[in-house]
Amino acid sequence: MDHSFNITPTQHNPQHAKEFDVSTDQFEWLYSVVAKGIIPKGEVRVYFIEEDKWMQLDSWPIKSENIETYYFTKSI
């Protein structure tokens, strides 16, 4: 999905991409804050395109054991 919640890319037929309803999620967050005075706990939901699945994570970015370092150099 892109930042406008359109399904991208289109080379495969995702079945689960639209399982996240941003309007409902935003309303529930706002209602909790305004009506109940409760600030909801933050959460991270990530959609993996090629796997066509959503994951809920405790933090972002995803921690990886395979750390790679890249350097920018001037090409001569």
PDB file of N, CA and C in Angstrom:
ATOM      1  N   MET A   1       0.837  -1.171   0.000  1.00  0.00           N
ATOM      2  CA  MET A   1       0.000   0.000   0.000  1.00  0.00           C
ATOM      3  C   MET A   1       0.884   1.238   0.000  1.00  0.00           C
ATOM      4  N   ASP A   2       0.414   2.257  -0.666  1.00  0.00           N
ATOM      5  CA  ASP A   2       1.160   3.503  -0.635  1.00  0.00           C
ATOM      6  C   ASP A   2       0.621   4.377   0.507  1.00  0.00           C
ATOM      7  N   HIS A   3       1.086   5.614   0.589  1.00  0.00           N
ATOM      8  CA  HIS A   3       0.683   6.478   1.700  1.00  0.00           C
ATOM      9  C   HIS A   3      -0.742   6.983   1.573  1.00  0.00           C
ATOM     10  N   SER A   4      -1.393   6.718   0.448  1.00  0.00           N
ATOM     11  CA  SER A   4      -2.813   7.048   0.271  1.00  0.00           C
ATOM     12  C   SER A   4      -3.680   5.810   0.447  1.00  0.00           C
ATOM     13  N   PHE A   5      -3.068   4.726   0.901  1.00  0.00           N
ATOM     14  CA  PHE A   5      -3.734   3.453   1.165  1.00  0.00           C
ATOM     15  C   PHE A   5      -4.300   2.811  -0.104  1.00  0.00           C
ATOM     16  N   ASN A   6      -3.620   3.029  -1.229  1.00  0.00           N
ATOM     17  CA  ASN A   6      -3.929   2.327  -2.465  1.00  0.00           C
ATOM     18  C   ASN A   6      -3.025   1.111  -2.542  1.00  0.00           C
ATOM     19  N   ILE A   7      -3.535   0.019  -3.086  1.00  0.00           N
ATOM     20  CA  ILE A   7      -2.738  -1.195  -3.180  1.00  0.00           C
ATOM     21  C   ILE A   7      -1.677  -1.026  -4.253  1.00  0.00           C
ATOM     22  N   THR A   8      -0.422  -1.212  -3.857  1.00  0.00           N
ATOM     23  CA  THR A   8       0.709  -1.163  -4.782  1.00  0.00           C
ATOM     24  C   THR A   8       1.722  -2.194  -4.331  1.00  0.00           C
ATOM     25  N   PRO A   9       2.538  -2.723  -5.116  1.00  0.00           N
ATOM     26  CA  PRO A   9       2.461  -2.723  -6.572  1.00  0.00           C
ATOM     27  C   PRO A   9       1.346  -3.651  -7.032  1.00  0.00           C
ATOM     28  N   THR A  10       1.100  -3.649  -8.319  1.00  0.00           N
ATOM     29  CA  THR A  10      -0.042  -4.407  -8.836  1.00  0.00           C
ATOM     30  C   THR A  10       0.366  -5.688  -9.556  1.00  0.00           C
ATOM     31  N   GLN A  11       1.621  -6.132  -9.434  1.00  0.00           N
ATOM     32  CA  GLN A  11       2.042  -7.327 -10.158  1.00  0.00           C
ATOM     33  C   GLN A  11       1.509  -8.619  -9.553  1.00  0.00           C
ATOM     34  N   HIS A  12       0.954  -8.567  -8.375  1.00  0.00           N
ATOM     35  CA  HIS A  12       0.339  -9.755  -7.794  1.00  0.00           C
ATOM     36  C   HIS A  12      -1.035  -9.377  -7.253  1.00  0.00           C
ATOM     37  N   ASN A  13      -1.825 -10.363  -6.889  1.00  0.00           N
ATOM     38  CA  ASN A  13      -3.188 -10.132  -6.430  1.00  0.00           C
ATOM     39  C   ASN A  13      -3.261 -10.297  -4.911  1.00  0.00           C
ATOM     40  N   PRO A  14      -3.014  -9.234  -4.159  1.00  0.00           N
ATOM     41  CA  PRO A  14      -3.030  -9.356  -2.706  1.00  0.00           C
ATOM     42  C   PRO A  14      -4.437  -9.583  -2.160  1.00  0.00           C
ATOM     43  N   GLN A  15      -4.565 -10.507  -1.245  1.00  0.00           N
ATOM     44  CA  GLN A  15      -5.850 -10.817  -0.639  1.00  0.00           C
ATOM     45  C   GLN A  15      -6.045 -10.096   0.699  1.00  0.00           C
ATOM     46  N   HIS A  16      -4.950  -9.732   1.373  1.00  0.00           N
ATOM     47  CA  HIS A  16      -5.046  -9.206   2.729  1.00  0.00           C
ATOM     48  C   HIS A  16      -4.642  -7.744   2.873  1.00  0.00           C
ATOM     49  N   ALA A  17      -4.286  -7.088   1.792  1.00  0.00           N
ATOM     50  CA  ALA A  17      -3.771  -5.717   1.879  1.00  0.00           C
ATOM     51  C   ALA A  17      -4.794  -4.749   2.460  1.00  0.00           C
ATOM     52  N   LYS A  18      -6.053  -4.910   2.155  1.00  0.00           N
ATOM     53  CA  LYS A  18      -7.084  -3.973   2.609  1.00  0.00           C
ATOM     54  C   LYS A  18      -7.693  -4.349   3.967  1.00  0.00           C
ATOM     55  N   GLU A  19      -7.049  -5.232   4.716  1.00  0.00           N
ATOM     56  CA  GLU A  19      -7.572  -5.625   6.027  1.00  0.00           C
ATOM     57  C   GLU A  19      -7.394  -4.528   7.073  1.00  0.00           C
ATOM     58  N   PHE A  20      -6.680  -3.502   6.754  1.00  0.00           N
ATOM     59  CA  PHE A  20      -6.455  -2.384   7.667  1.00  0.00           C
ATOM     60  C   PHE A  20      -7.352  -1.239   7.246  1.00  0.00           C
ATOM     61  N   ASP A  21      -8.237  -0.800   8.136  1.00  0.00           N
ATOM     62  CA  ASP A  21      -9.152   0.298   7.839  1.00  0.00           C
ATOM     63  C   ASP A  21      -8.657   1.552   8.559  1.00  0.00           C
ATOM     64  N   VAL A  22      -7.995   2.421   7.841  1.00  0.00           N
ATOM     65  CA  VAL A  22      -7.365   3.593   8.450  1.00  0.00           C
ATOM     66  C   VAL A  22      -8.408   4.538   9.045  1.00  0.00           C
ATOM     67  N   SER A  23      -9.569   4.668   8.440  1.00  0.00           N
ATOM     68  CA  SER A  23     -10.605   5.570   8.964  1.00  0.00           C
ATOM     69  C   SER A  23     -11.106   5.101  10.322  1.00  0.00           C
ATOM     70  N   THR A  24     -11.383   3.821  10.453  1.00  0.00           N
ATOM     71  CA  THR A  24     -11.836   3.265  11.729  1.00  0.00           C
ATOM     72  C   THR A  24     -10.756   3.388  12.778  1.00  0.00           C
ATOM     73  N   ASP A  25      -9.526   3.098  12.411  1.00  0.00           N
ATOM     74  CA  ASP A  25      -8.414   3.176  13.345  1.00  0.00           C
ATOM     75  C   ASP A  25      -8.229   4.606  13.857  1.00  0.00           C
ATOM     76  N   GLN A  26      -8.298   5.580  12.965  1.00  0.00           N
ATOM     77  CA  GLN A  26      -8.156   6.981  13.365  1.00  0.00           C
ATOM     78  C   GLN A  26      -9.303   7.405  14.276  1.00  0.00           C
ATOM     79  N   PHE A  27     -10.532   6.998  13.949  1.00  0.00           N
ATOM     80  CA  PHE A  27     -11.685   7.354  14.772  1.00  0.00           C
ATOM     81  C   PHE A  27     -11.545   6.766  16.174  1.00  0.00           C
ATOM     82  N   GLU A  28     -11.186   5.490  16.266  1.00  0.00           N
ATOM     83  CA  GLU A  28     -11.053   4.849  17.575  1.00  0.00           C
ATOM     84  C   GLU A  28      -9.974   5.531  18.410  1.00  0.00           C
ATOM     85  N   TRP A  29      -8.870   5.944  17.783  1.00  0.00           N
ATOM     86  CA  TRP A  29      -7.811   6.637  18.515  1.00  0.00           C
ATOM     87  C   TRP A  29      -8.324   7.974  19.032  1.00  0.00           C
ATOM     88  N   LEU A  30      -8.961   8.756  18.160  1.00  0.00           N
ATOM     89  CA  LEU A  30      -9.469  10.070  18.542  1.00  0.00           C
ATOM     90  C   LEU A  30     -10.549   9.956  19.617  1.00  0.00           C
ATOM     91  N   TYR A  31     -11.441   9.002  19.483  1.00  0.00           N
ATOM     92  CA  TYR A  31     -12.505   8.788  20.471  1.00  0.00           C
ATOM     93  C   TYR A  31     -11.915   8.441  21.838  1.00  0.00           C
ATOM     94  N   SER A  32     -10.893   7.612  21.854  1.00  0.00           N
ATOM     95  CA  SER A  32     -10.238   7.258  23.116  1.00  0.00           C
ATOM     96  C   SER A  32      -9.663   8.492  23.797  1.00  0.00           C
ATOM     97  N   VAL A  33      -9.052   9.368  23.024  1.00  0.00           N
ATOM     98  CA  VAL A  33      -8.419  10.558  23.586  1.00  0.00           C
ATOM     99  C   VAL A  33      -9.465  11.578  24.043  1.00  0.00           C
ATOM    100  N   VAL A  34     -10.418  11.901  23.160  1.00  0.00           N
ATOM    101  CA  VAL A  34     -11.373  12.972  23.446  1.00  0.00           C
ATOM    102  C   VAL A  34     -12.457  12.528  24.425  1.00  0.00           C
ATOM    103  N   ALA A  35     -13.098  11.417  24.167  1.00  0.00           N
ATOM    104  CA  ALA A  35     -14.239  10.995  24.979  1.00  0.00           C
ATOM    105  C   ALA A  35     -13.843  10.286  26.271  1.00  0.00           C
ATOM    106  N   LYS A  36     -12.781   9.501  26.221  1.00  0.00           N
ATOM    107  CA  LYS A  36     -12.396   8.707  27.387  1.00  0.00           C
ATOM    108  C   LYS A  36     -11.203   9.280  28.142  1.00  0.00           C
ATOM    109  N   GLY A  37     -10.464  10.201  27.509  1.00  0.00           N
ATOM    110  CA  GLY A  37      -9.284  10.772  28.137  1.00  0.00           C
ATOM    111  C   GLY A  37      -8.137   9.788  28.254  1.00  0.00           C
ATOM    112  N   ILE A  38      -8.126   8.787  27.395  1.00  0.00           N
ATOM    113  CA  ILE A  38      -7.081   7.762  27.412  1.00  0.00           C
ATOM    114  C   ILE A  38      -6.237   7.892  26.151  1.00  0.00           C
ATOM    115  N   ILE A  39      -4.936   7.979  26.313  1.00  0.00           N
ATOM    116  CA  ILE A  39      -4.046   7.987  25.152  1.00  0.00           C
ATOM    117  C   ILE A  39      -3.658   6.540  24.868  1.00  0.00           C
ATOM    118  N   PRO A  40      -4.097   6.004  23.727  1.00  0.00           N
ATOM    119  CA  PRO A  40      -3.799   4.602  23.403  1.00  0.00           C
ATOM    120  C   PRO A  40      -2.306   4.343  23.267  1.00  0.00           C
ATOM    121  N   LYS A  41      -1.918   3.131  23.575  1.00  0.00           N
ATOM    122  CA  LYS A  41      -0.531   2.705  23.408  1.00  0.00           C
ATOM    123  C   LYS A  41      -0.197   2.708  21.919  1.00  0.00           C
ATOM    124  N   GLY A  42       0.981   3.187  21.591  1.00  0.00           N
ATOM    125  CA  GLY A  42       1.414   3.201  20.194  1.00  0.00           C
ATOM    126  C   GLY A  42       1.638   1.791  19.676  1.00  0.00           C
ATOM    127  N   GLU A  43       1.455   1.615  18.410  1.00  0.00           N
ATOM    128  CA  GLU A  43       1.684   0.313  17.795  1.00  0.00           C
ATOM    129  C   GLU A  43       2.190   0.507  16.374  1.00  0.00           C
ATOM    130  N   VAL A  44       2.823  -0.512  15.867  1.00  0.00           N
ATOM    131  CA  VAL A  44       3.357  -0.478  14.513  1.00  0.00           C
ATOM    132  C   VAL A  44       2.759  -1.650  13.755  1.00  0.00           C
ATOM    133  N   ARG A  45       2.075  -1.358  12.645  1.00  0.00           N
ATOM    134  CA  ARG A  45       1.558  -2.406  11.760  1.00  0.00           C
ATOM    135  C   ARG A  45       2.277  -2.285  10.433  1.00  0.00           C
ATOM    136  N   VAL A  46       2.786  -3.402   9.959  1.00  0.00           N
ATOM    137  CA  VAL A  46       3.575  -3.418   8.725  1.00  0.00           C
ATOM    138  C   VAL A  46       2.970  -4.438   7.779  1.00  0.00           C
ATOM    139  N   TYR A  47       2.827  -4.039   6.510  1.00  0.00           N
ATOM    140  CA  TYR A  47       2.325  -4.952   5.483  1.00  0.00           C
ATOM    141  C   TYR A  47       3.496  -5.416   4.629  1.00  0.00           C
ATOM    142  N   PHE A  48       3.683  -6.729   4.564  1.00  0.00           N
ATOM    143  CA  PHE A  48       4.735  -7.316   3.742  1.00  0.00           C
ATOM    144  C   PHE A  48       4.129  -7.667   2.390  1.00  0.00           C
ATOM    145  N   ILE A  49       4.536  -6.928   1.360  1.00  0.00           N
ATOM    146  CA  ILE A  49       3.921  -7.016   0.041  1.00  0.00           C
ATOM    147  C   ILE A  49       3.988  -8.421  -0.538  1.00  0.00           C
ATOM    148  N   GLU A  50       5.163  -8.958  -0.691  1.00  0.00           N
ATOM    149  CA  GLU A  50       5.301 -10.255  -1.359  1.00  0.00           C
ATOM    150  C   GLU A  50       4.705 -11.402  -0.548  1.00  0.00           C
ATOM    151  N   GLU A  51       4.620 -11.250   0.772  1.00  0.00           N
ATOM    152  CA  GLU A  51       4.038 -12.292   1.616  1.00  0.00           C
ATOM    153  C   GLU A  51       2.543 -12.089   1.808  1.00  0.00           C
ATOM    154  N   ASP A  52       2.018 -10.926   1.407  1.00  0.00           N
ATOM    155  CA  ASP A  52       0.608 -10.578   1.532  1.00  0.00           C
ATOM    156  C   ASP A  52       0.102 -10.806   2.957  1.00  0.00           C
ATOM    157  N   LYS A  53       0.814 -10.232   3.925  1.00  0.00           N
ATOM    158  CA  LYS A  53       0.375 -10.374   5.307  1.00  0.00           C
ATOM    159  C   LYS A  53       0.729  -9.135   6.111  1.00  0.00           C
ATOM    160  N   TRP A  54      -0.030  -8.902   7.160  1.00  0.00           N
ATOM    161  CA  TRP A  54       0.208  -7.823   8.101  1.00  0.00           C
ATOM    162  C   TRP A  54       0.890  -8.392   9.328  1.00  0.00           C
ATOM    163  N   MET A  55       1.774  -7.598   9.942  1.00  0.00           N
ATOM    164  CA  MET A  55       2.414  -7.968  11.200  1.00  0.00           C
ATOM    165  C   MET A  55       2.322  -6.797  12.147  1.00  0.00           C
ATOM    166  N   GLN A  56       2.120  -7.092  13.411  1.00  0.00           N
ATOM    167  CA  GLN A  56       2.143  -6.065  14.440  1.00  0.00           C
ATOM    168  C   GLN A  56       3.483  -6.169  15.153  1.00  0.00           C
ATOM    169  N   LEU A  57       4.198  -5.048  15.234  1.00  0.00           N
ATOM    170  CA  LEU A  57       5.525  -5.028  15.834  1.00  0.00           C
ATOM    171  C   LEU A  57       5.526  -4.162  17.085  1.00  0.00           C
ATOM    172  N   ASP A  58       6.480  -4.416  17.963  1.00  0.00           N
ATOM    173  CA  ASP A  58       6.628  -3.619  19.174  1.00  0.00           C
ATOM    174  C   ASP A  58       7.343  -2.304  18.909  1.00  0.00           C
ATOM    175  N   SER A  59       8.203  -2.285  17.891  1.00  0.00           N
ATOM    176  CA  SER A  59       8.957  -1.069  17.598  1.00  0.00           C
ATOM    177  C   SER A  59       9.352  -1.041  16.127  1.00  0.00           C
ATOM    178  N   TRP A  60       9.823   0.133  15.699  1.00  0.00           N
ATOM    179  CA  TRP A  60      10.297   0.327  14.333  1.00  0.00           C
ATOM    180  C   TRP A  60      11.587   1.114  14.392  1.00  0.00           C
ATOM    181  N   PRO A  61      12.586   0.839  13.618  1.00  0.00           N
ATOM    182  CA  PRO A  61      12.643  -0.156  12.547  1.00  0.00           C
ATOM    183  C   PRO A  61      12.811  -1.558  13.097  1.00  0.00           C
ATOM    184  N   ILE A  62      12.594  -2.522  12.218  1.00  0.00           N
ATOM    185  CA  ILE A  62      12.741  -3.918  12.588  1.00  0.00           C
ATOM    186  C   ILE A  62      14.197  -4.162  12.959  1.00  0.00           C
ATOM    187  N   LYS A  63      14.392  -4.773  14.097  1.00  0.00           N
ATOM    188  CA  LYS A  63      15.762  -5.074  14.527  1.00  0.00           C
ATOM    189  C   LYS A  63      16.260  -6.306  13.779  1.00  0.00           C
ATOM    190  N   SER A  64      17.463  -6.211  13.271  1.00  0.00           N
ATOM    191  CA  SER A  64      18.039  -7.291  12.491  1.00  0.00           C
ATOM    192  C   SER A  64      19.403  -7.661  13.053  1.00  0.00           C
ATOM    193  N   GLU A  65      19.705  -8.936  13.009  1.00  0.00           N
ATOM    194  CA  GLU A  65      21.027  -9.387  13.435  1.00  0.00           C
ATOM    195  C   GLU A  65      22.051  -9.218  12.322  1.00  0.00           C
ATOM    196  N   ASN A  66      21.591  -9.066  11.102  1.00  0.00           N
ATOM    197  CA  ASN A  66      22.481  -8.917   9.950  1.00  0.00           C
ATOM    198  C   ASN A  66      22.653  -7.432   9.630  1.00  0.00           C
ATOM    199  N   ILE A  67      23.572  -6.792  10.324  1.00  0.00           N
ATOM    200  CA  ILE A  67      23.809  -5.371  10.115  1.00  0.00           C
ATOM    201  C   ILE A  67      24.876  -5.195   9.041  1.00  0.00           C
ATOM    202  N   GLU A  68      24.565  -4.353   8.069  1.00  0.00           N
ATOM    203  CA  GLU A  68      25.514  -4.059   7.001  1.00  0.00           C
ATOM    204  C   GLU A  68      25.817  -2.564   7.029  1.00  0.00           C
ATOM    205  N   THR A  69      27.049  -2.208   6.790  1.00  0.00           N
ATOM    206  CA  THR A  69      27.458  -0.814   6.744  1.00  0.00           C
ATOM    207  C   THR A  69      27.825  -0.465   5.308  1.00  0.00           C
ATOM    208  N   TYR A  70      27.272   0.654   4.849  1.00  0.00           N
ATOM    209  CA  TYR A  70      27.566   1.139   3.501  1.00  0.00           C
ATOM    210  C   TYR A  70      28.249   2.488   3.628  1.00  0.00           C
ATOM    211  N   TYR A  71      29.185   2.768   2.720  1.00  0.00           N
ATOM    212  CA  TYR A  71      29.889   4.040   2.714  1.00  0.00           C
ATOM    213  C   TYR A  71      29.723   4.711   1.366  1.00  0.00           C
ATOM    214  N   PHE A  72      29.543   6.000   1.406  1.00  0.00           N
ATOM    215  CA  PHE A  72      29.519   6.789   0.176  1.00  0.00           C
ATOM    216  C   PHE A  72      30.933   7.275  -0.087  1.00  0.00           C
ATOM    217  N   THR A  73      31.374   7.087  -1.301  1.00  0.00           N
ATOM    218  CA  THR A  73      32.723   7.555  -1.657  1.00  0.00           C
ATOM    219  C   THR A  73      32.644   8.320  -2.969  1.00  0.00           C
ATOM    220  N   LYS A  74      33.621   9.156  -3.161  1.00  0.00           N
ATOM    221  CA  LYS A  74      33.715   9.905  -4.394  1.00  0.00           C
ATOM    222  C   LYS A  74      34.360   9.041  -5.452  1.00  0.00           C
ATOM    223  N   SER A  75      33.689   8.930  -6.584  1.00  0.00           N
ATOM    224  CA  SER A  75      34.220   8.135  -7.676  1.00  0.00           C
ATOM    225  C   SER A  75      35.177   8.996  -8.498  1.00  0.00           C
ATOM    226  N   ILE A  76      36.343   8.455  -8.796  1.00  0.00           N
ATOM    227  CA  ILE A  76      37.347   9.215  -9.553  1.00  0.00           C
ATOM    228  C   ILE A  76      37.422   8.698 -10.969  1.00  0.00           C
TER     229      ILE A  76
END
